[in-house]
Amino acid sequence: MLKDKAFSELLDAYQERLYWHIRKIVVTHENADDVLQNTFIRVYKSINKFEGKSALHTWMYRIAYNESMRFLEKNKKKSYDNIDEISSNHLEVLFEDEYFDGDEIQKKLHKIIEGLKEKQRRVFQMKYFDDLSFRQISDILSVSESTLKSTYYTVVKIIEEKIFL
């Protein structure tokens, strides 16, 4: 079937990029795989509703982002006393992960990123790690480009100040 062949090509083209986008949000490999699978199921079921108001990959990133947020919301069962405990847990999971091979500067960068407000963290990750344009991030998050630019450059300044402390 033509739809299945086209979907298979989409899967091949975007699977790795979407995986890493999701992975930065949900942290673990296993969770990222689950969310990625749900993302592609949603893409497959919704592809006929794609209106072309944005690029196809931007539309798919938005679905991946929304699936990641759904996953996090659904899995808030584990309670933490405070935000520091959450950050510490995320970093511990990241640093123990067999796929993480960062040096000390990268570890410090991730610690700083983990300490940011959630929206700051998401904007920075999409721009810096995923190399998305402010326009694409605006389409994904439904936030103005000027707000995103301000957020991003504020985060860059925070990182520059903290990275060498």
C-alpha atoms as a PDB file:
ATOM      1  CA  MET A   1       0.000   0.000   0.000  1.00  0.00           C
ATOM      2  CA  LEU A   2       1.285   3.489  -0.898  1.00  0.00           C
ATOM      3  CA  LYS A   3       0.505   4.990   2.542  1.00  0.00           C
ATOM      4  CA  ASP A   4       2.529   2.265   4.272  1.00  0.00           C
ATOM      5  CA  LYS A   5       5.509   2.773   1.965  1.00  0.00           C
ATOM      6  CA  ALA A   6       5.425   6.544   2.500  1.00  0.00           C
ATOM      7  CA  PHE A   7       5.134   6.037   6.254  1.00  0.00           C
ATOM      8  CA  SER A   8       8.095   3.646   6.204  1.00  0.00           C
ATOM      9  CA  GLU A   9      10.158   6.335   4.448  1.00  0.00           C
ATOM     10  CA  LEU A  10       9.093   8.902   7.078  1.00  0.00           C
ATOM     11  CA  LEU A  11      10.104   6.480   9.805  1.00  0.00           C
ATOM     12  CA  ASP A  12      13.533   5.982   8.239  1.00  0.00           C
ATOM     13  CA  ALA A  13      14.069   9.713   7.725  1.00  0.00           C
ATOM     14  CA  TYR A  14      12.963  10.987  11.152  1.00  0.00           C
ATOM     15  CA  GLN A  15      13.255   8.158  13.642  1.00  0.00           C
ATOM     16  CA  GLU A  16      16.682   9.044  15.012  1.00  0.00           C
ATOM     17  CA  ARG A  17      16.091  12.825  15.133  1.00  0.00           C
ATOM     18  CA  LEU A  18      12.763  12.415  16.907  1.00  0.00           C
ATOM     19  CA  TYR A  19      14.243   9.830  19.271  1.00  0.00           C
ATOM     20  CA  TRP A  20      16.874  12.309  20.509  1.00  0.00           C
ATOM     21  CA  HIS A  21      14.314  15.109  20.734  1.00  0.00           C
ATOM     22  CA  ILE A  22      12.126  12.879  22.915  1.00  0.00           C
ATOM     23  CA  ARG A  23      15.082  11.482  24.860  1.00  0.00           C
ATOM     24  CA  LYS A  24      16.062  14.944  26.086  1.00  0.00           C
ATOM     25  CA  ILE A  25      12.589  15.324  27.543  1.00  0.00           C
ATOM     26  CA  VAL A  26      11.894  11.884  29.052  1.00  0.00           C
ATOM     27  CA  VAL A  27      15.578  11.125  29.863  1.00  0.00           C
ATOM     28  CA  THR A  28      15.796   7.307  29.666  1.00  0.00           C
ATOM     29  CA  HIS A  29      16.278   5.178  26.570  1.00  0.00           C
ATOM     30  CA  GLU A  30      13.356   2.898  27.445  1.00  0.00           C
ATOM     31  CA  ASN A  31      10.945   5.797  27.953  1.00  0.00           C
ATOM     32  CA  ALA A  32      12.142   7.484  24.764  1.00  0.00           C
ATOM     33  CA  ASP A  33      11.499   4.289  22.795  1.00  0.00           C
ATOM     34  CA  ASP A  34       7.955   4.052  24.200  1.00  0.00           C
ATOM     35  CA  VAL A  35       7.191   7.703  23.444  1.00  0.00           C
ATOM     36  CA  LEU A  36       8.720   7.414  19.965  1.00  0.00           C
ATOM     37  CA  GLN A  37       6.497   4.442  19.211  1.00  0.00           C
ATOM     38  CA  ASN A  38       3.424   6.381  20.396  1.00  0.00           C
ATOM     39  CA  THR A  39       4.561   9.358  18.314  1.00  0.00           C
ATOM     40  CA  PHE A  40       4.752   7.326  15.122  1.00  0.00           C
ATOM     41  CA  ILE A  41       1.403   5.682  15.831  1.00  0.00           C
ATOM     42  CA  ARG A  42      -0.134   9.148  16.168  1.00  0.00           C
ATOM     43  CA  VAL A  43       1.648  10.351  12.999  1.00  0.00           C
ATOM     44  CA  TYR A  44       0.366   7.308  11.069  1.00  0.00           C
ATOM     45  CA  LYS A  45      -3.207   7.802  12.267  1.00  0.00           C
ATOM     46  CA  SER A  46      -3.153  11.571  11.695  1.00  0.00           C
ATOM     47  CA  ILE A  47      -1.138  11.983   8.498  1.00  0.00           C
ATOM     48  CA  ASN A  48      -4.288  12.531   6.423  1.00  0.00           C
ATOM     49  CA  LYS A  49      -5.116  15.500   8.692  1.00  0.00           C
ATOM     50  CA  PHE A  50      -1.762  17.217   8.015  1.00  0.00           C
ATOM     51  CA  GLU A  51      -2.709  20.546   6.457  1.00  0.00           C
ATOM     52  CA  GLY A  52       0.727  21.765   5.401  1.00  0.00           C
ATOM     53  CA  LYS A  53       0.570  24.912   7.562  1.00  0.00           C
ATOM     54  CA  SER A  54       4.102  24.052   8.720  1.00  0.00           C
ATOM     55  CA  ALA A  55       6.833  21.766   7.437  1.00  0.00           C
ATOM     56  CA  LEU A  56       6.136  18.061   7.884  1.00  0.00           C
ATOM     57  CA  HIS A  57       9.088  17.614  10.236  1.00  0.00           C
ATOM     58  CA  THR A  58       7.891  20.535  12.390  1.00  0.00           C
ATOM     59  CA  TRP A  59       4.457  18.905  12.611  1.00  0.00           C
ATOM     60  CA  MET A  60       6.098  15.618  13.643  1.00  0.00           C
ATOM     61  CA  TYR A  61       8.278  17.372  16.253  1.00  0.00           C
ATOM     62  CA  ARG A  62       5.133  18.919  17.707  1.00  0.00           C
ATOM     63  CA  ILE A  63       3.514  15.490  17.971  1.00  0.00           C
ATOM     64  CA  ALA A  64       6.693  14.091  19.577  1.00  0.00           C
ATOM     65  CA  TYR A  65       6.805  16.999  22.026  1.00  0.00           C
ATOM     66  CA  ASN A  66       3.134  16.571  22.944  1.00  0.00           C
ATOM     67  CA  GLU A  67       3.549  12.803  23.362  1.00  0.00           C
ATOM     68  CA  SER A  68       6.554  13.438  25.624  1.00  0.00           C
ATOM     69  CA  MET A  69       4.534  15.864  27.744  1.00  0.00           C
ATOM     70  CA  ARG A  70       1.660  13.342  27.955  1.00  0.00           C
ATOM     71  CA  PHE A  71       4.116  10.677  29.064  1.00  0.00           C
ATOM     72  CA  LEU A  72       5.604  12.907  31.769  1.00  0.00           C
ATOM     73  CA  GLU A  73       2.166  13.927  33.009  1.00  0.00           C
ATOM     74  CA  LYS A  74       0.970  10.310  33.087  1.00  0.00           C
ATOM     75  CA  ASN A  75       4.063   9.200  34.978  1.00  0.00           C
ATOM     76  CA  LYS A  76       3.987  11.796  37.744  1.00  0.00           C
ATOM     77  CA  LYS A  77       3.028   8.953  40.064  1.00  0.00           C
ATOM     78  CA  LYS A  78       6.477   9.022  41.605  1.00  0.00           C
ATOM     79  CA  SER A  79       6.424  11.858  44.084  1.00  0.00           C
ATOM     80  CA  TYR A  80       9.404  13.996  44.976  1.00  0.00           C
ATOM     81  CA  ASP A  81       9.822  16.334  47.882  1.00  0.00           C
ATOM     82  CA  ASN A  82      11.232  19.165  45.786  1.00  0.00           C
ATOM     83  CA  ILE A  83      12.581  20.189  42.399  1.00  0.00           C
ATOM     84  CA  ASP A  84      16.187  19.518  43.463  1.00  0.00           C
ATOM     85  CA  GLU A  85      15.327  15.868  44.028  1.00  0.00           C
ATOM     86  CA  ILE A  86      13.776  15.635  40.547  1.00  0.00           C
ATOM     87  CA  SER A  87      16.826  17.257  38.938  1.00  0.00           C
ATOM     88  CA  SER A  88      19.182  15.032  40.885  1.00  0.00           C
ATOM     89  CA  ASN A  89      17.254  11.922  39.816  1.00  0.00           C
ATOM     90  CA  HIS A  90      17.251  12.963  36.133  1.00  0.00           C
ATOM     91  CA  LEU A  91      20.995  13.641  36.187  1.00  0.00           C
ATOM     92  CA  GLU A  92      21.723  10.354  37.942  1.00  0.00           C
ATOM     93  CA  VAL A  93      19.746   8.466  35.286  1.00  0.00           C
ATOM     94  CA  LEU A  94      21.497  10.381  32.503  1.00  0.00           C
ATOM     95  CA  PHE A  95      25.041   9.925  33.819  1.00  0.00           C
ATOM     96  CA  GLU A  96      24.521   6.200  34.487  1.00  0.00           C
ATOM     97  CA  ASP A  97      23.083   5.621  31.021  1.00  0.00           C
ATOM     98  CA  GLU A  98      25.342   3.502  28.803  1.00  0.00           C
ATOM     99  CA  TYR A  99      24.650   5.872  25.881  1.00  0.00           C
ATOM    100  CA  PHE A 100      25.938   8.962  27.718  1.00  0.00           C
ATOM    101  CA  ASP A 101      29.636   9.455  27.087  1.00  0.00           C
ATOM    102  CA  GLY A 102      30.077  13.071  28.119  1.00  0.00           C
ATOM    103  CA  ASP A 103      33.148  14.587  29.677  1.00  0.00           C
ATOM    104  CA  GLU A 104      33.107  16.833  32.763  1.00  0.00           C
ATOM    105  CA  ILE A 105      32.135  19.989  30.812  1.00  0.00           C
ATOM    106  CA  GLN A 106      29.216  18.151  29.221  1.00  0.00           C
ATOM    107  CA  LYS A 107      28.128  16.869  32.615  1.00  0.00           C
ATOM    108  CA  LYS A 108      28.303  20.398  33.988  1.00  0.00           C
ATOM    109  CA  LEU A 109      26.283  21.683  31.009  1.00  0.00           C
ATOM    110  CA  HIS A 110      23.606  19.069  31.645  1.00  0.00           C
ATOM    111  CA  LYS A 111      23.503  19.975  35.344  1.00  0.00           C
ATOM    112  CA  ILE A 112      22.996  23.634  34.444  1.00  0.00           C
ATOM    113  CA  ILE A 113      20.311  22.753  31.884  1.00  0.00           C
ATOM    114  CA  GLU A 114      18.533  20.535  34.397  1.00  0.00           C
ATOM    115  CA  GLY A 115      18.430  23.468  36.828  1.00  0.00           C
ATOM    116  CA  LEU A 116      16.595  25.705  34.358  1.00  0.00           C
ATOM    117  CA  LYS A 117      12.863  26.304  34.365  1.00  0.00           C
ATOM    118  CA  GLU A 118      11.091  23.725  32.207  1.00  0.00           C
ATOM    119  CA  LYS A 119      10.211  26.124  29.381  1.00  0.00           C
ATOM    120  CA  GLN A 120      13.754  27.510  29.308  1.00  0.00           C
ATOM    121  CA  ARG A 121      15.135  23.975  29.179  1.00  0.00           C
ATOM    122  CA  ARG A 122      12.834  22.911  26.320  1.00  0.00           C
ATOM    123  CA  VAL A 123      13.600  25.999  24.211  1.00  0.00           C
ATOM    124  CA  PHE A 124      17.347  25.624  24.737  1.00  0.00           C
ATOM    125  CA  GLN A 125      17.301  21.911  23.925  1.00  0.00           C
ATOM    126  CA  MET A 126      15.295  22.399  20.743  1.00  0.00           C
ATOM    127  CA  LYS A 127      17.525  25.220  19.524  1.00  0.00           C
ATOM    128  CA  TYR A 128      20.945  24.008  20.674  1.00  0.00           C
ATOM    129  CA  PHE A 129      20.709  20.209  20.470  1.00  0.00           C
ATOM    130  CA  ASP A 130      17.990  19.710  17.835  1.00  0.00           C
ATOM    131  CA  ASP A 131      19.160  22.693  15.743  1.00  0.00           C
ATOM    132  CA  LEU A 132      15.593  23.830  15.101  1.00  0.00           C
ATOM    133  CA  SER A 133      14.935  27.361  13.932  1.00  0.00           C
ATOM    134  CA  PHE A 134      13.041  29.786  16.151  1.00  0.00           C
ATOM    135  CA  ARG A 135      10.214  29.575  13.591  1.00  0.00           C
ATOM    136  CA  GLN A 136      10.028  25.796  13.963  1.00  0.00           C
ATOM    137  CA  ILE A 137      10.121  26.002  17.755  1.00  0.00           C
ATOM    138  CA  SER A 138       7.404  28.652  17.595  1.00  0.00           C
ATOM    139  CA  ASP A 139       5.219  26.273  15.568  1.00  0.00           C
ATOM    140  CA  ILE A 140       5.884  23.397  17.973  1.00  0.00           C
ATOM    141  CA  LEU A 141       5.331  25.296  21.226  1.00  0.00           C
ATOM    142  CA  SER A 142       2.840  27.920  20.003  1.00  0.00           C
ATOM    143  CA  VAL A 143       4.991  30.723  21.416  1.00  0.00           C
ATOM    144  CA  SER A 144       6.089  33.867  19.573  1.00  0.00           C
ATOM    145  CA  GLU A 145       9.532  33.871  17.986  1.00  0.00           C
ATOM    146  CA  SER A 146      10.549  37.003  19.897  1.00  0.00           C
ATOM    147  CA  THR A 147       9.695  35.330  23.220  1.00  0.00           C
ATOM    148  CA  LEU A 148      11.684  32.252  22.193  1.00  0.00           C
ATOM    149  CA  LYS A 149      14.704  34.338  21.194  1.00  0.00           C
ATOM    150  CA  SER A 150      14.611  36.197  24.484  1.00  0.00           C
ATOM    151  CA  THR A 151      14.335  32.924  26.411  1.00  0.00           C
ATOM    152  CA  TYR A 152      17.126  31.275  24.453  1.00  0.00           C
ATOM    153  CA  TYR A 153      19.603  34.116  24.812  1.00  0.00           C
ATOM    154  CA  THR A 154      18.793  34.437  28.521  1.00  0.00           C
ATOM    155  CA  VAL A 155      19.624  30.744  28.924  1.00  0.00           C
ATOM    156  CA  VAL A 156      22.839  31.115  26.932  1.00  0.00           C
ATOM    157  CA  LYS A 157      23.895  33.922  29.280  1.00  0.00           C
ATOM    158  CA  ILE A 158      23.047  31.792  32.346  1.00  0.00           C
ATOM    159  CA  ILE A 159      25.077  28.899  30.961  1.00  0.00           C
ATOM    160  CA  GLU A 160      28.037  31.131  30.088  1.00  0.00           C
ATOM    161  CA  GLU A 161      28.053  32.515  33.628  1.00  0.00           C
ATOM    162  CA  LYS A 162      27.795  29.116  35.323  1.00  0.00           C
ATOM    163  CA  ILE A 163      29.836  26.824  33.094  1.00  0.00           C
ATOM    164  CA  PHE A 164      33.208  27.980  34.374  1.00  0.00           C
ATOM    165  CA  LEU A 165      32.322  28.407  38.052  1.00  0.00           C
END
